[in-house]
Amino acid sequence: MKTRQRYIPEPWIPIQWAVRLVQKAGMHANIADPKIIHDVLKVSR
């Protein structure tokens, strides 16, 4: 009997996804202070 191995994404995939979310939120003015965007992206890399 085969058991399915759970899919675990590469470590960079969730980080890249989060970076894109922050960038899109910044583009659409959903982040109150634009200075935060740069700091968040710097931490994620």
C-alpha atoms as a PDB file:
ATOM      1  CA  MET A   1       0.000   0.000   0.000  1.00  0.00           C
ATOM      2  CA  LYS A   2       1.414   3.355  -1.055  1.00  0.00           C
ATOM      3  CA  THR A   3       1.112   6.331   1.205  1.00  0.00           C
ATOM      4  CA  ARG A   4       1.042   9.780  -0.240  1.00  0.00           C
ATOM      5  CA  GLN A   5       3.932  11.985   0.649  1.00  0.00           C
ATOM      6  CA  ARG A   6       2.812  15.440   1.716  1.00  0.00           C
ATOM      7  CA  TYR A   7       3.849  18.252  -0.610  1.00  0.00           C
ATOM      8  CA  ILE A   8       6.215  20.710   1.047  1.00  0.00           C
ATOM      9  CA  PRO A   9       7.098  23.699  -1.150  1.00  0.00           C
ATOM     10  CA  GLU A  10      10.595  25.014  -1.540  1.00  0.00           C
ATOM     11  CA  PRO A  11      11.414  27.572   1.198  1.00  0.00           C
ATOM     12  CA  TRP A  12      11.568  30.517  -1.213  1.00  0.00           C
ATOM     13  CA  ILE A  13       8.056  29.985  -2.626  1.00  0.00           C
ATOM     14  CA  PRO A  14       6.092  31.285   0.412  1.00  0.00           C
ATOM     15  CA  ILE A  15       8.569  34.156   0.791  1.00  0.00           C
ATOM     16  CA  GLN A  16       8.188  35.166  -2.862  1.00  0.00           C
ATOM     17  CA  TRP A  17       4.409  34.917  -2.508  1.00  0.00           C
ATOM     18  CA  ALA A  18       4.505  37.215   0.534  1.00  0.00           C
ATOM     19  CA  VAL A  19       6.752  39.714  -1.273  1.00  0.00           C
ATOM     20  CA  ARG A  20       4.283  39.896  -4.166  1.00  0.00           C
ATOM     21  CA  LEU A  21       1.372  40.418  -1.773  1.00  0.00           C
ATOM     22  CA  VAL A  22       3.174  43.302  -0.071  1.00  0.00           C
ATOM     23  CA  GLN A  23       4.094  44.843  -3.426  1.00  0.00           C
ATOM     24  CA  LYS A  24       0.500  44.631  -4.694  1.00  0.00           C
ATOM     25  CA  ALA A  25      -0.851  46.046  -1.443  1.00  0.00           C
ATOM     26  CA  GLY A  26       1.565  48.955  -1.785  1.00  0.00           C
ATOM     27  CA  MET A  27       0.594  49.564  -5.415  1.00  0.00           C
ATOM     28  CA  HIS A  28      -3.089  49.739  -4.504  1.00  0.00           C
ATOM     29  CA  ALA A  29      -2.468  52.011  -1.491  1.00  0.00           C
ATOM     30  CA  ASN A  30      -3.620  49.386   1.010  1.00  0.00           C
ATOM     31  CA  ILE A  31      -0.611  50.072   3.222  1.00  0.00           C
ATOM     32  CA  ALA A  32      -0.995  53.310   5.149  1.00  0.00           C
ATOM     33  CA  ASP A  33       2.704  54.189   5.435  1.00  0.00           C
ATOM     34  CA  PRO A  34       4.687  53.556   2.214  1.00  0.00           C
ATOM     35  CA  LYS A  35       7.968  53.479   4.182  1.00  0.00           C
ATOM     36  CA  ILE A  36       6.848  50.174   5.691  1.00  0.00           C
ATOM     37  CA  ILE A  37       6.861  48.465   2.277  1.00  0.00           C
ATOM     38  CA  HIS A  38      10.624  48.872   1.869  1.00  0.00           C
ATOM     39  CA  ASP A  39      11.297  47.579   5.388  1.00  0.00           C
ATOM     40  CA  VAL A  40       9.057  44.537   4.950  1.00  0.00           C
ATOM     41  CA  LEU A  41      10.650  43.619   1.632  1.00  0.00           C
ATOM     42  CA  LYS A  42      14.151  44.066   3.088  1.00  0.00           C
ATOM     43  CA  VAL A  43      13.365  41.649   5.932  1.00  0.00           C
ATOM     44  CA  SER A  44      11.965  39.028   3.562  1.00  0.00           C
ATOM     45  CA  ARG A  45      15.124  38.792   1.428  1.00  0.00           C
END
